[in-house]
PDB file of N, CA and C in Angstrom:
ATOM      1  N   MET A   1     -52.417  -5.995 -97.506  1.00  0.00           N
ATOM      2  CA  MET A   1     -52.506  -4.805 -97.405  1.00  0.00           C
ATOM      3  C   MET A   1     -53.810  -4.946 -98.391  1.00  0.00           C
ATOM      4  N   LYS A   2     -54.623  -3.448 -97.883  1.00  0.00           N
ATOM      5  CA  LYS A   2     -56.175  -2.899 -98.234  1.00  0.00           C
ATOM      6  C   LYS A   2     -55.649  -1.615 -98.571  1.00  0.00           C
ATOM      7  N   ILE A   3     -56.320  -1.328-100.055  1.00  0.00           N
ATOM      8  CA  ILE A   3     -56.840   0.546-100.045  1.00  0.00           C
ATOM      9  C   ILE A   3     -58.514   0.632-100.397  1.00  0.00           C
ATOM     10  N   LEU A   4     -58.850   1.879-100.291  1.00  0.00           N
ATOM     11  CA  LEU A   4     -59.858   1.797-100.855  1.00  0.00           C
ATOM     12  C   LEU A   4     -60.745   2.643-102.142  1.00  0.00           C
ATOM     13  N   THR A   5     -61.697   1.968-102.629  1.00  0.00           N
ATOM     14  CA  THR A   5     -62.259   1.881-103.451  1.00  0.00           C
ATOM     15  C   THR A   5     -63.691   3.127-103.634  1.00  0.00           C
ATOM     16  N   ALA A   6     -64.360   2.853-104.599  1.00  0.00           N
ATOM     17  CA  ALA A   6     -65.539   3.639-104.372  1.00  0.00           C
ATOM     18  C   ALA A   6     -65.468   3.966-105.885  1.00  0.00           C
ATOM     19  N   ASN A   7     -66.794   4.263-106.424  1.00  0.00           N
ATOM     20  CA  ASN A   7     -68.176   4.782-107.552  1.00  0.00           C
ATOM     21  C   ASN A   7     -67.598   6.706-107.561  1.00  0.00           C
ATOM     22  N   ARG A   8     -67.245   7.106-108.342  1.00  0.00           N
ATOM     23  CA  ARG A   8     -67.355   8.808-107.828  1.00  0.00           C
ATOM     24  C   ARG A   8     -69.436   8.813-108.418  1.00  0.00           C
ATOM     25  N   LEU A   9     -70.084   9.799-107.105  1.00  0.00           N
ATOM     26  CA  LEU A   9     -71.274   9.616-107.517  1.00  0.00           C
ATOM     27  C   LEU A   9     -71.964  10.709-109.047  1.00  0.00           C
ATOM     28  N   ALA A  10     -71.416  11.742-109.476  1.00  0.00           N
ATOM     29  CA  ALA A  10     -71.009  11.972-110.475  1.00  0.00           C
ATOM     30  C   ALA A  10     -70.938  11.600-111.765  1.00  0.00           C
ATOM     31  N   ASP A  11     -70.038  10.639-111.969  1.00  0.00           N
ATOM     32  CA  ASP A  11     -70.176   9.762-113.453  1.00  0.00           C
ATOM     33  C   ASP A  11     -70.229   8.315-113.079  1.00  0.00           C
ATOM     34  N   GLY A  12     -70.010   7.911-112.332  1.00  0.00           N
ATOM     35  CA  GLY A  12     -69.852   6.203-111.618  1.00  0.00           C
ATOM     36  C   GLY A  12     -68.512   6.120-112.154  1.00  0.00           C
ATOM     37  N   ILE A  13     -67.817   6.902-112.587  1.00  0.00           N
ATOM     38  CA  ILE A  13     -66.680   6.137-112.266  1.00  0.00           C
ATOM     39  C   ILE A  13     -65.430   5.292-111.642  1.00  0.00           C
ATOM     40  N   ALA A  14     -64.731   4.484-111.916  1.00  0.00           N
ATOM     41  CA  ALA A  14     -64.116   3.598-110.325  1.00  0.00           C
ATOM     42  C   ALA A  14     -63.048   4.629-109.980  1.00  0.00           C
ATOM     43  N   VAL A  15     -62.736   4.935-108.482  1.00  0.00           N
ATOM     44  CA  VAL A  15     -62.051   5.403-107.725  1.00  0.00           C
ATOM     45  C   VAL A  15     -61.330   4.911-106.874  1.00  0.00           C
ATOM     46  N   TRP A  16     -60.151   5.960-106.547  1.00  0.00           N
ATOM     47  CA  TRP A  16     -59.504   5.080-105.086  1.00  0.00           C
ATOM     48  C   TRP A  16     -58.397   6.082-104.726  1.00  0.00           C
ATOM     49  N   TYR A  17     -58.761   6.085-103.396  1.00  0.00           N
ATOM     50  CA  TYR A  17     -58.309   7.298-102.440  1.00  0.00           C
ATOM     51  C   TYR A  17     -56.695   7.386-102.235  1.00  0.00           C
ATOM     52  N   ALA A  18     -56.106   8.756-103.247  1.00  0.00           N
ATOM     53  CA  ALA A  18     -55.034   8.767-103.342  1.00  0.00           C
ATOM     54  C   ALA A  18     -54.032  10.077-102.732  1.00  0.00           C
ATOM     55  N   ASP A  19     -53.355   9.989-102.181  1.00  0.00           N
ATOM     56  CA  ASP A  19     -52.642  11.651-101.592  1.00  0.00           C
ATOM     57  C   ASP A  19     -53.789  12.667-101.532  1.00  0.00           C
ATOM     58  N   GLY A  20     -54.757  12.150-100.626  1.00  0.00           N
ATOM     59  CA  GLY A  20     -55.789  12.737 -99.807  1.00  0.00           C
ATOM     60  C   GLY A  20     -57.051  13.535-100.758  1.00  0.00           C
ATOM     61  N   GLY A  21     -56.895  12.868-102.387  1.00  0.00           N
ATOM     62  CA  GLY A  21     -58.141  12.620-102.986  1.00  0.00           C
ATOM     63  C   GLY A  21     -58.790  11.240-103.579  1.00  0.00           C
ATOM     64  N   TRP A  22     -59.491  11.835-104.225  1.00  0.00           N
ATOM     65  CA  TRP A  22     -60.105  10.540-105.229  1.00  0.00           C
ATOM     66  C   TRP A  22     -59.533  10.280-106.429  1.00  0.00           C
ATOM     67  N   ALA A  23     -58.463   9.192-106.597  1.00  0.00           N
ATOM     68  CA  ALA A  23     -57.546   9.191-107.945  1.00  0.00           C
ATOM     69  C   ALA A  23     -58.641   8.321-109.110  1.00  0.00           C
ATOM     70  N   GLU A  24     -58.289   8.664-110.357  1.00  0.00           N
ATOM     71  CA  GLU A  24     -59.223   7.491-111.207  1.00  0.00           C
ATOM     72  C   GLU A  24     -58.585   6.211-111.812  1.00  0.00           C
ATOM     73  N   THR A  25     -56.945   6.499-111.377  1.00  0.00           N
ATOM     74  CA  THR A  25     -56.310   5.135-111.735  1.00  0.00           C
ATOM     75  C   THR A  25     -55.885   4.503-110.376  1.00  0.00           C
ATOM     76  N   VAL A  26     -55.840   3.152-109.611  1.00  0.00           N
ATOM     77  CA  VAL A  26     -55.477   2.499-109.280  1.00  0.00           C
ATOM     78  C   VAL A  26     -53.515   2.626-108.628  1.00  0.00           C
ATOM     79  N   ASP A  27     -52.855   3.050-109.719  1.00  0.00           N
ATOM     80  CA  ASP A  27     -51.948   3.071-109.430  1.00  0.00           C
ATOM     81  C   ASP A  27     -50.557   3.484-107.627  1.00  0.00           C
ATOM     82  N   HIS A  28     -51.383   4.786-107.723  1.00  0.00           N
ATOM     83  CA  HIS A  28     -50.301   4.724-106.345  1.00  0.00           C
ATOM     84  C   HIS A  28     -51.435   4.761-105.202  1.00  0.00           C
ATOM     85  N   ALA A  29     -52.196   4.586-105.362  1.00  0.00           N
ATOM     86  CA  ALA A  29     -53.392   4.168-104.036  1.00  0.00           C
ATOM     87  C   ALA A  29     -52.682   4.031-102.606  1.00  0.00           C
ATOM     88  N   ASP A  30     -53.348   4.737-101.694  1.00  0.00           N
ATOM     89  CA  ASP A  30     -53.112   4.933-100.294  1.00  0.00           C
ATOM     90  C   ASP A  30     -53.056   3.436 -99.651  1.00  0.00           C
ATOM     91  N   PRO A  31     -52.055   3.006 -99.236  1.00  0.00           N
ATOM     92  CA  PRO A  31     -51.862   1.195 -98.733  1.00  0.00           C
ATOM     93  C   PRO A  31     -52.443   1.719 -97.218  1.00  0.00           C
ATOM     94  N   ALA A  32     -53.034   0.605 -96.489  1.00  0.00           N
ATOM     95  CA  ALA A  32     -53.120   0.150 -95.464  1.00  0.00           C
ATOM     96  C   ALA A  32     -52.551  -0.823 -94.587  1.00  0.00           C
ATOM     97  N   HIS A  33     -51.615  -1.033 -94.253  1.00  0.00           N
ATOM     98  CA  HIS A  33     -50.824  -2.409 -93.800  1.00  0.00           C
ATOM     99  C   HIS A  33     -50.702  -2.578 -92.647  1.00  0.00           C
ATOM    100  N   ASP A  34     -51.963  -1.885 -91.642  1.00  0.00           N
ATOM    101  CA  ASP A  34     -52.571  -2.040 -90.612  1.00  0.00           C
ATOM    102  C   ASP A  34     -53.863  -2.049 -90.329  1.00  0.00           C
ATOM    103  N   LYS A  35     -54.365  -2.609 -89.151  1.00  0.00           N
ATOM    104  CA  LYS A  35     -55.898  -2.308 -88.472  1.00  0.00           C
ATOM    105  C   LYS A  35     -55.809  -0.782 -88.457  1.00  0.00           C
ATOM    106  N   ALA A  36     -55.005  -0.226 -87.643  1.00  0.00           N
ATOM    107  CA  ALA A  36     -55.398   1.283 -87.802  1.00  0.00           C
ATOM    108  C   ALA A  36     -55.714   2.426 -89.031  1.00  0.00           C
ATOM    109  N   ALA A  37     -54.385   1.453 -90.183  1.00  0.00           N
ATOM    110  CA  ALA A  37     -54.398   2.723 -91.190  1.00  0.00           C
ATOM    111  C   ALA A  37     -56.275   2.508 -91.878  1.00  0.00           C
ATOM    112  N   GLU A  38     -56.284   1.193 -91.829  1.00  0.00           N
ATOM    113  CA  GLU A  38     -57.677   0.474 -92.191  1.00  0.00           C
ATOM    114  C   GLU A  38     -59.248   1.463 -91.959  1.00  0.00           C
ATOM    115  N   ASP A  39     -58.693   1.181 -90.829  1.00  0.00           N
ATOM    116  CA  ASP A  39     -60.074   2.469 -89.844  1.00  0.00           C
ATOM    117  C   ASP A  39     -59.948   3.766 -90.662  1.00  0.00           C
ATOM    118  N   ARG A  40     -58.609   3.984 -90.812  1.00  0.00           N
ATOM    119  CA  ARG A  40     -58.328   5.851 -91.336  1.00  0.00           C
ATOM    120  C   ARG A  40     -59.266   5.663 -92.404  1.00  0.00           C
ATOM    121  N   LEU A  41     -58.440   4.935 -93.480  1.00  0.00           N
ATOM    122  CA  LEU A  41     -59.488   4.518 -94.645  1.00  0.00           C
ATOM    123  C   LEU A  41     -60.550   4.488 -94.828  1.00  0.00           C
ATOM    124  N   GLU A  42     -61.320   3.733 -93.729  1.00  0.00           N
ATOM    125  CA  GLU A  42     -62.467   3.551 -93.853  1.00  0.00           C
ATOM    126  C   GLU A  42     -63.617   4.621 -93.184  1.00  0.00           C
ATOM    127  N   ALA A  43     -63.078   5.272 -92.052  1.00  0.00           N
ATOM    128  CA  ALA A  43     -63.635   6.642 -91.758  1.00  0.00           C
ATOM    129  C   ALA A  43     -63.863   8.135 -93.046  1.00  0.00           C
ATOM    130  N   ILE A  44     -62.102   7.885 -93.902  1.00  0.00           N
ATOM    131  CA  ILE A  44     -62.661   8.650 -95.421  1.00  0.00           C
ATOM    132  C   ILE A  44     -63.735   8.729 -96.058  1.00  0.00           C
ATOM    133  N   GLY A  45     -63.643   6.977 -95.689  1.00  0.00           N
ATOM    134  CA  GLY A  45     -64.511   6.644 -97.187  1.00  0.00           C
ATOM    135  C   GLY A  45     -66.158   6.853 -97.010  1.00  0.00           C
ATOM    136  N   ALA A  46     -66.246   7.075 -95.664  1.00  0.00           N
ATOM    137  CA  ALA A  46     -67.559   6.841 -94.792  1.00  0.00           C
ATOM    138  C   ALA A  46     -68.106   8.489 -95.277  1.00  0.00           C
ATOM    139  N   LYS A  47     -66.940   9.480 -94.859  1.00  0.00           N
ATOM    140  CA  LYS A  47     -66.892  10.445 -94.947  1.00  0.00           C
ATOM    141  C   LYS A  47     -67.536  11.150 -96.174  1.00  0.00           C
ATOM    142  N   ALA A  48     -66.603  10.609 -97.125  1.00  0.00           N
ATOM    143  CA  ALA A  48     -67.241  11.028 -98.333  1.00  0.00           C
ATOM    144  C   ALA A  48     -68.474  10.414 -99.141  1.00  0.00           C
ATOM    145  N   HIS A  49     -68.781   9.305 -98.603  1.00  0.00           N
ATOM    146  CA  HIS A  49     -70.408   8.743 -98.626  1.00  0.00           C
ATOM    147  C   HIS A  49     -71.149   9.649 -98.378  1.00  0.00           C
ATOM    148  N   ALA A  50     -71.341   9.856 -97.478  1.00  0.00           N
ATOM    149  CA  ALA A  50     -71.983  10.740 -96.775  1.00  0.00           C
ATOM    150  C   ALA A  50     -71.836  12.508 -97.109  1.00  0.00           C
ATOM    151  N   ASP A  51     -70.800  12.719 -97.399  1.00  0.00           N
ATOM    152  CA  ASP A  51     -71.105  13.578 -98.389  1.00  0.00           C
ATOM    153  C   ASP A  51     -71.448  14.045 -99.869  1.00  0.00           C
ATOM    154  N   ASN A  52     -71.718  12.707-100.033  1.00  0.00           N
ATOM    155  CA  ASN A  52     -72.359  12.677-102.028  1.00  0.00           C
ATOM    156  C   ASN A  52     -71.188  12.553-102.877  1.00  0.00           C
ATOM    157  N   GLU A  53     -70.302  11.986-102.418  1.00  0.00           N
ATOM    158  CA  GLU A  53     -69.097  11.752-103.396  1.00  0.00           C
ATOM    159  C   GLU A  53     -69.031  10.217-104.001  1.00  0.00           C
ATOM    160  N   VAL A  54     -69.183   9.824-103.251  1.00  0.00           N
ATOM    161  CA  VAL A  54     -68.742   8.647-103.781  1.00  0.00           C
ATOM    162  C   VAL A  54     -70.026   7.606-103.066  1.00  0.00           C
ATOM    163  N   VAL A  55     -70.043   6.284-104.200  1.00  0.00           N
ATOM    164  CA  VAL A  55     -71.219   5.338-103.582  1.00  0.00           C
ATOM    165  C   VAL A  55     -70.215   3.786-103.203  1.00  0.00           C
ATOM    166  N   ASP A  56     -70.417   2.960-102.765  1.00  0.00           N
ATOM    167  CA  ASP A  56     -69.669   1.434-102.783  1.00  0.00           C
ATOM    168  C   ASP A  56     -68.762   1.927-102.721  1.00  0.00           C
ATOM    169  N   VAL A  57     -68.287   2.324-101.377  1.00  0.00           N
ATOM    170  CA  VAL A  57     -67.097   2.448-101.021  1.00  0.00           C
ATOM    171  C   VAL A  57     -66.719   0.848-100.052  1.00  0.00           C
ATOM    172  N   ALA A  58     -65.686   0.549-100.626  1.00  0.00           N
ATOM    173  CA  ALA A  58     -64.983  -0.932-100.210  1.00  0.00           C
ATOM    174  C   ALA A  58     -63.533  -0.895-100.075  1.00  0.00           C
ATOM    175  N   LEU A  59     -63.117  -1.500 -98.408  1.00  0.00           N
ATOM    176  CA  LEU A  59     -61.601  -1.841 -98.522  1.00  0.00           C
ATOM    177  C   LEU A  59     -61.405  -2.745 -99.179  1.00  0.00           C
ATOM    178  N   ILE A  60     -60.514  -2.828-100.084  1.00  0.00           N
ATOM    179  CA  ILE A  60     -59.663  -4.277-101.111  1.00  0.00           C
ATOM    180  C   ILE A  60     -58.729  -4.286-101.089  1.00  0.00           C
ATOM    181  N   ASP A  61     -58.220  -5.450-101.327  1.00  0.00           N
ATOM    182  CA  ASP A  61     -56.701  -6.944-100.477  1.00  0.00           C
ATOM    183  C   ASP A  61     -55.822  -5.933-102.549  1.00  0.00           C
ATOM    184  N   ALA A  62     -54.775  -5.556-101.904  1.00  0.00           N
ATOM    185  CA  ALA A  62     -53.908  -5.431-102.828  1.00  0.00           C
ATOM    186  C   ALA A  62     -52.769  -5.521-102.759  1.00  0.00           C
ATOM    187  N   ASP A  63     -51.689  -5.462-103.684  1.00  0.00           N
ATOM    188  CA  ASP A  63     -50.406  -5.667-103.388  1.00  0.00           C
ATOM    189  C   ASP A  63     -49.562  -4.781-104.560  1.00  0.00           C
ATOM    190  N   ILE A  64     -48.091  -5.114-103.887  1.00  0.00           N
ATOM    191  CA  ILE A  64     -47.395  -3.385-104.321  1.00  0.00           C
ATOM    192  C   ILE A  64     -46.747  -4.473-105.355  1.00  0.00           C
ATOM    193  N   VAL A  65     -46.256  -4.077-107.091  1.00  0.00           N
ATOM    194  CA  VAL A  65     -46.036  -4.678-107.958  1.00  0.00           C
ATOM    195  C   VAL A  65     -44.778  -3.989-108.750  1.00  0.00           C
ATOM    196  N   ASP A  66     -43.801  -4.618-108.805  1.00  0.00           N
ATOM    197  CA  ASP A  66     -42.718  -2.874-109.449  1.00  0.00           C
ATOM    198  C   ASP A  66     -43.128  -1.850-108.838  1.00  0.00           C
ATOM    199  N   GLY A  67     -43.815  -1.876-107.930  1.00  0.00           N
ATOM    200  CA  GLY A  67     -43.603  -0.043-107.258  1.00  0.00           C
ATOM    201  C   GLY A  67     -45.062   0.561-107.754  1.00  0.00           C
ATOM    202  N   VAL A  68     -46.137  -0.273-108.227  1.00  0.00           N
ATOM    203  CA  VAL A  68     -46.890   0.126-108.405  1.00  0.00           C
ATOM    204  C   VAL A  68     -47.761  -0.677-107.778  1.00  0.00           C
ATOM    205  N   VAL A  69     -49.258  -0.678-107.057  1.00  0.00           N
ATOM    206  CA  VAL A  69     -50.190  -0.605-106.248  1.00  0.00           C
ATOM    207  C   VAL A  69     -51.465  -1.327-107.421  1.00  0.00           C
ATOM    208  N   GLU A  70     -51.653  -2.622-107.160  1.00  0.00           N
ATOM    209  CA  GLU A  70     -52.421  -3.935-108.143  1.00  0.00           C
ATOM    210  C   GLU A  70     -53.593  -4.297-107.254  1.00  0.00           C
ATOM    211  N   PRO A  71     -54.745  -4.536-107.540  1.00  0.00           N
ATOM    212  CA  PRO A  71     -55.337  -4.847-107.107  1.00  0.00           C
ATOM    213  C   PRO A  71     -55.082  -6.822-106.954  1.00  0.00           C
ATOM    214  N   VAL A  72     -55.840  -7.459-106.218  1.00  0.00           N
ATOM    215  CA  VAL A  72     -55.683  -8.697-106.355  1.00  0.00           C
ATOM    216  C   VAL A  72     -56.798  -9.391-106.804  1.00  0.00           C
ATOM    217  N   ARG A  73     -58.261  -9.336-106.473  1.00  0.00           N
ATOM    218  CA  ARG A  73     -59.261  -9.685-107.382  1.00  0.00           C
ATOM    219  C   ARG A  73     -59.371  -9.863-108.450  1.00  0.00           C
ATOM    220  N   LEU A  74     -59.847 -10.626-109.200  1.00  0.00           N
ATOM    221  CA  LEU A  74     -60.331 -10.120-110.874  1.00  0.00           C
ATOM    222  C   LEU A  74     -60.815  -8.839-110.934  1.00  0.00           C
ATOM    223  N   ARG A  75     -62.355  -9.200-110.142  1.00  0.00           N
ATOM    224  CA  ARG A  75     -62.977  -8.079-110.034  1.00  0.00           C
ATOM    225  C   ARG A  75     -62.631  -6.867-110.456  1.00  0.00           C
ATOM    226  N   GLU A  76     -61.638  -6.344-109.498  1.00  0.00           N
ATOM    227  CA  GLU A  76     -61.055  -4.651-109.247  1.00  0.00           C
ATOM    228  C   GLU A  76     -60.034  -4.969-109.848  1.00  0.00           C
ATOM    229  N   LYS A  77     -59.436  -5.844-110.499  1.00  0.00           N
ATOM    230  CA  LYS A  77     -58.648  -5.878-111.889  1.00  0.00           C
ATOM    231  C   LYS A  77     -59.226  -5.032-112.889  1.00  0.00           C
ATOM    232  N   ILE A  78     -60.225  -5.852-113.294  1.00  0.00           N
ATOM    233  CA  ILE A  78     -61.737  -5.267-114.276  1.00  0.00           C
ATOM    234  C   ILE A  78     -61.883  -3.511-113.923  1.00  0.00           C
ATOM    235  N   ARG A  79     -62.170  -3.503-112.780  1.00  0.00           N
ATOM    236  CA  ARG A  79     -63.062  -2.100-112.178  1.00  0.00           C
ATOM    237  C   ARG A  79     -61.627  -1.186-112.479  1.00  0.00           C
ATOM    238  N   ALA A  80     -59.833  -1.349-111.815  1.00  0.00           N
ATOM    239  CA  ALA A  80     -59.180  -0.714-112.282  1.00  0.00           C
ATOM    240  C   ALA A  80     -58.304  -0.439-114.229  1.00  0.00           C
ATOM    241  N   ALA A  81     -59.135  -1.339-114.886  1.00  0.00           N
ATOM    242  CA  ALA A  81     -58.992  -1.267-116.259  1.00  0.00           C
ATOM    243  C   ALA A  81     -59.761  -0.688-117.203  1.00  0.00           C
ATOM    244  N   GLY A  82     -61.024  -1.244-116.731  1.00  0.00           N
ATOM    245  CA  GLY A  82     -62.175  -0.984-117.778  1.00  0.00           C
ATOM    246  C   GLY A  82     -62.462  -2.235-118.462  1.00  0.00           C
ATOM    247  N   PRO A  83     -63.284  -1.974-119.555  1.00  0.00           N
ATOM    248  CA  PRO A  83     -64.149  -2.979-120.213  1.00  0.00           C
ATOM    249  C   PRO A  83     -63.136  -3.882-120.830  1.00  0.00           C
ATOM    250  N   THR A  84     -63.819  -5.011-120.493  1.00  0.00           N
ATOM    251  CA  THR A  84     -62.943  -6.037-120.868  1.00  0.00           C
ATOM    252  C   THR A  84     -63.085  -6.926-122.463  1.00  0.00           C
ATOM    253  N   ILE A  85     -64.028  -6.173-123.054  1.00  0.00           N
ATOM    254  CA  ILE A  85     -64.758  -6.111-124.386  1.00  0.00           C
ATOM    255  C   ILE A  85     -63.973  -5.395-125.307  1.00  0.00           C
ATOM    256  N   ARG A  86     -63.062  -4.182-125.003  1.00  0.00           N
ATOM    257  CA  ARG A  86     -62.496  -3.771-126.456  1.00  0.00           C
ATOM    258  C   ARG A  86     -61.466  -2.693-125.017  1.00  0.00           C
ATOM    259  N   ASN A  87     -59.929  -3.401-125.556  1.00  0.00           N
ATOM    260  CA  ASN A  87     -58.929  -2.844-125.251  1.00  0.00           C
ATOM    261  C   ASN A  87     -58.580  -1.103-125.278  1.00  0.00           C
ATOM    262  N   ASP A  88     -59.702  -0.602-126.560  1.00  0.00           N
ATOM    263  CA  ASP A  88     -59.106   0.659-126.829  1.00  0.00           C
ATOM    264  C   ASP A  88     -60.304   1.648-126.070  1.00  0.00           C
ATOM    265  N   LEU A  89     -60.866   1.222-125.092  1.00  0.00           N
ATOM    266  CA  LEU A  89     -61.634   1.567-124.617  1.00  0.00           C
ATOM    267  C   LEU A  89     -61.277   1.650-123.109  1.00  0.00           C
ATOM    268  N   GLY A  90     -61.734   2.529-122.200  1.00  0.00           N
ATOM    269  CA  GLY A  90     -61.426   3.008-120.900  1.00  0.00           C
ATOM    270  C   GLY A  90     -59.927   3.253-120.510  1.00  0.00           C
ATOM    271  N   LYS A  91     -59.585   2.872-118.927  1.00  0.00           N
ATOM    272  CA  LYS A  91     -58.241   3.085-118.514  1.00  0.00           C
ATOM    273  C   LYS A  91     -57.169   2.531-119.315  1.00  0.00           C
ATOM    274  N   GLN A  92     -57.450   1.374-119.746  1.00  0.00           N
ATOM    275  CA  GLN A  92     -56.410   0.640-120.358  1.00  0.00           C
ATOM    276  C   GLN A  92     -55.843   1.389-121.735  1.00  0.00           C
ATOM    277  N   ALA A  93     -57.135   2.222-122.178  1.00  0.00           N
ATOM    278  CA  ALA A  93     -56.503   2.456-123.749  1.00  0.00           C
ATOM    279  C   ALA A  93     -55.625   4.225-123.277  1.00  0.00           C
ATOM    280  N   GLU A  94     -56.370   4.647-122.005  1.00  0.00           N
ATOM    281  CA  GLU A  94     -55.521   5.489-121.625  1.00  0.00           C
ATOM    282  C   GLU A  94     -53.846   5.412-121.228  1.00  0.00           C
ATOM    283  N   ARG A  95     -53.860   4.720-120.441  1.00  0.00           N
ATOM    284  CA  ARG A  95     -52.232   4.417-120.037  1.00  0.00           C
ATOM    285  C   ARG A  95     -51.811   3.388-121.220  1.00  0.00           C
ATOM    286  N   ALA A  96     -51.940   2.849-122.238  1.00  0.00           N
ATOM    287  CA  ALA A  96     -51.802   2.869-123.443  1.00  0.00           C
ATOM    288  C   ALA A  96     -50.868   4.145-124.808  1.00  0.00           C
ATOM    289  N   ALA A  97     -51.849   5.884-124.389  1.00  0.00           N
ATOM    290  CA  ALA A  97     -51.354   6.186-124.794  1.00  0.00           C
ATOM    291  C   ALA A  97     -50.538   7.203-124.655  1.00  0.00           C
TER     292      ALA A  97
END
């Protein structure tokens, strides 16, 4: 399965395509289970890049764990959680609150 990720151009925040827009959390990113769905997400990412909404657009591997989308690779898990040096910063701090 693949999901679409990028960095929002306005502030550099990592975002994922979900429900017709860019979400700041990966939890409910729109999954692509086949080539047609991947092509659709790639087209959405290309348009958002061309419209100067996002940069570093990429399809990444993901799994669904306990009903929630999670990236497979460590790099993407870190982007989804936030800084690795302090758990009281970034997205992991927001989830704990």
